[in-house]
Amino acid sequence: MSKLLLNLRNVAEDEADDVCALLDANGIAWYATQPSPMGISAGGIWVREDADHPRAKALMAVYQGERAQRVRAERAQALEDGSAETFASLLRRRPLYVLSTLLAMLLVASLVLLPFVLLR
């Protein structure tokens, strides 16, 4: 029976490609499911054989550790050279978007708190 190795929700496309290549390189049979059109299911990468699942999990642990170090180093470098996106850079680049998002957040928060204010 197949077992889920990686849920593809919030997974970058290059990471999914790397995982597929890693499984292929180690001779582990896998298949991928696509996300549902309504966004209920995010899709995933599945290992076909139960016996391969522990080995695939071990390979994933090593891969994710290496990827985490690499991505953190890239982020630190981007922050140092000023090319990383920050709240201030987004505000300078798209002020209407940021202000409208903040206004919408304030509106939602006020609607949530309104019953508590009215019941006092």
Protein backbone atom coordinates (compact mmCIF):
# COMPACT_ATOMS: atom_id res chain seq x y z
CA MET A 1 0.00 0.00 0.00
CA SER A 2 1.27 3.49 -0.81
CA LYS A 3 2.34 5.92 1.90
CA LEU A 4 2.48 9.70 1.74
CA LEU A 5 6.04 11.01 1.80
CA LEU A 6 5.50 14.71 1.15
CA ASN A 7 2.34 16.81 1.24
CA LEU A 8 2.75 19.45 -1.47
CA ARG A 9 0.93 22.25 0.37
CA ASN A 10 3.27 25.28 0.48
CA VAL A 11 6.10 23.30 -1.13
CA ALA A 12 8.17 25.10 -3.75
CA GLU A 13 8.20 23.52 -7.19
CA ASP A 14 11.98 23.14 -7.17
CA GLU A 15 11.80 21.28 -3.84
CA ALA A 16 9.21 18.85 -5.21
CA ASP A 17 11.40 18.30 -8.28
CA ASP A 18 14.43 17.69 -6.06
CA VAL A 19 12.52 15.12 -3.99
CA CYS A 20 11.36 13.29 -7.13
CA ALA A 21 14.93 13.24 -8.46
CA LEU A 22 16.20 12.00 -5.08
CA LEU A 23 13.71 9.13 -5.08
CA ASP A 24 14.59 8.23 -8.68
CA ALA A 25 18.31 8.30 -7.92
CA ASN A 26 17.81 5.87 -5.03
CA GLY A 27 15.53 3.50 -6.92
CA ILE A 28 12.41 4.19 -4.88
CA ALA A 29 9.12 3.84 -6.78
CA TRP A 30 6.88 6.87 -6.30
CA TYR A 31 3.99 8.76 -7.84
CA ALA A 32 2.55 12.23 -7.41
CA THR A 33 -1.03 13.35 -7.00
CA GLN A 34 -2.13 16.74 -8.24
CA PRO A 35 -3.90 19.34 -6.09
CA SER A 36 -7.67 19.42 -6.31
CA PRO A 37 -9.24 22.24 -8.33
CA MET A 38 -11.08 23.58 -5.27
CA GLY A 39 -7.96 23.64 -3.09
CA ILE A 40 -9.19 20.99 -0.66
CA SER A 41 -6.30 18.63 -1.36
CA ALA A 42 -2.81 19.95 -1.98
CA GLY A 43 -1.49 16.86 -3.71
CA GLY A 44 1.47 14.85 -2.60
CA ILE A 45 4.39 12.59 -3.38
CA TRP A 46 3.69 8.99 -2.44
CA VAL A 47 6.01 6.01 -2.04
CA ARG A 48 4.51 2.96 -3.75
CA GLU A 49 5.95 0.21 -1.51
CA ASP A 50 5.65 0.17 2.29
CA ALA A 51 9.10 -1.38 2.59
CA ASP A 52 10.68 1.65 0.87
CA HIS A 53 8.99 4.20 3.12
CA PRO A 54 11.53 4.17 6.03
CA ARG A 55 14.43 4.55 3.60
CA ALA A 56 12.60 7.37 1.79
CA LYS A 57 11.92 9.13 5.11
CA ALA A 58 15.61 8.89 6.02
CA LEU A 59 16.62 10.33 2.64
CA MET A 60 14.07 13.14 3.11
CA ALA A 61 15.47 13.98 6.54
CA VAL A 62 18.97 14.37 5.12
CA TYR A 63 17.70 16.35 2.10
CA GLN A 64 15.57 18.69 4.20
CA GLY A 65 18.44 19.37 6.59
CA GLU A 66 20.73 20.29 3.70
CA ARG A 67 18.03 22.38 2.03
CA ALA A 68 17.26 24.25 5.26
CA GLN A 69 20.92 25.21 5.67
CA ARG A 70 21.18 26.32 2.03
CA VAL A 71 17.96 28.37 2.10
CA ARG A 72 18.91 30.03 5.39
CA ALA A 73 22.30 30.97 3.96
CA GLU A 74 20.64 32.37 0.82
CA ARG A 75 18.21 34.40 2.95
CA ALA A 76 21.04 35.76 5.13
CA GLN A 77 22.98 36.72 2.02
CA ALA A 78 19.92 38.44 0.52
CA LEU A 79 19.39 40.38 3.75
CA GLU A 80 23.03 41.45 3.76
CA ASP A 81 23.05 42.71 0.19
CA GLY A 82 19.57 44.27 0.50
CA SER A 83 17.84 42.16 -2.14
CA ALA A 84 15.54 40.29 0.31
CA GLU A 85 11.90 41.29 0.40
CA THR A 86 10.97 42.86 3.72
CA PHE A 87 7.85 44.62 4.95
CA ALA A 88 9.46 48.00 4.27
CA SER A 89 10.49 47.07 0.72
CA LEU A 90 7.00 45.74 -0.01
CA LEU A 91 5.47 48.92 1.40
CA ARG A 92 7.70 51.04 -0.86
CA ARG A 93 6.98 48.91 -3.93
CA ARG A 94 3.21 48.31 -3.44
CA PRO A 95 1.85 50.84 -0.93
CA LEU A 96 -1.83 50.49 -1.93
CA TYR A 97 -1.70 46.72 -1.61
CA VAL A 98 -0.08 46.86 1.83
CA LEU A 99 -2.40 49.56 3.16
CA SER A 100 -5.53 47.88 1.82
CA THR A 101 -4.42 44.56 3.36
CA LEU A 102 -3.79 46.21 6.72
CA LEU A 103 -7.17 47.94 6.52
CA ALA A 104 -8.90 44.64 5.74
CA MET A 105 -7.14 42.99 8.70
CA LEU A 106 -8.26 45.83 10.97
CA LEU A 107 -11.84 45.50 9.70
CA VAL A 108 -11.92 41.75 10.33
CA ALA A 109 -10.44 42.17 13.80
CA SER A 110 -12.98 44.87 14.67
CA LEU A 111 -15.87 42.67 13.48
CA VAL A 112 -14.60 39.80 15.62
CA LEU A 113 -14.28 42.02 18.69
CA LEU A 114 -17.58 43.89 18.14
CA PRO A 115 -19.77 41.42 20.10
CA PHE A 116 -17.49 41.65 23.13
CA VAL A 117 -17.64 45.45 23.07
CA LEU A 118 -21.43 45.49 22.70
CA LEU A 119 -21.99 43.02 25.54
CA ARG A 120 -20.19 45.13 28.13
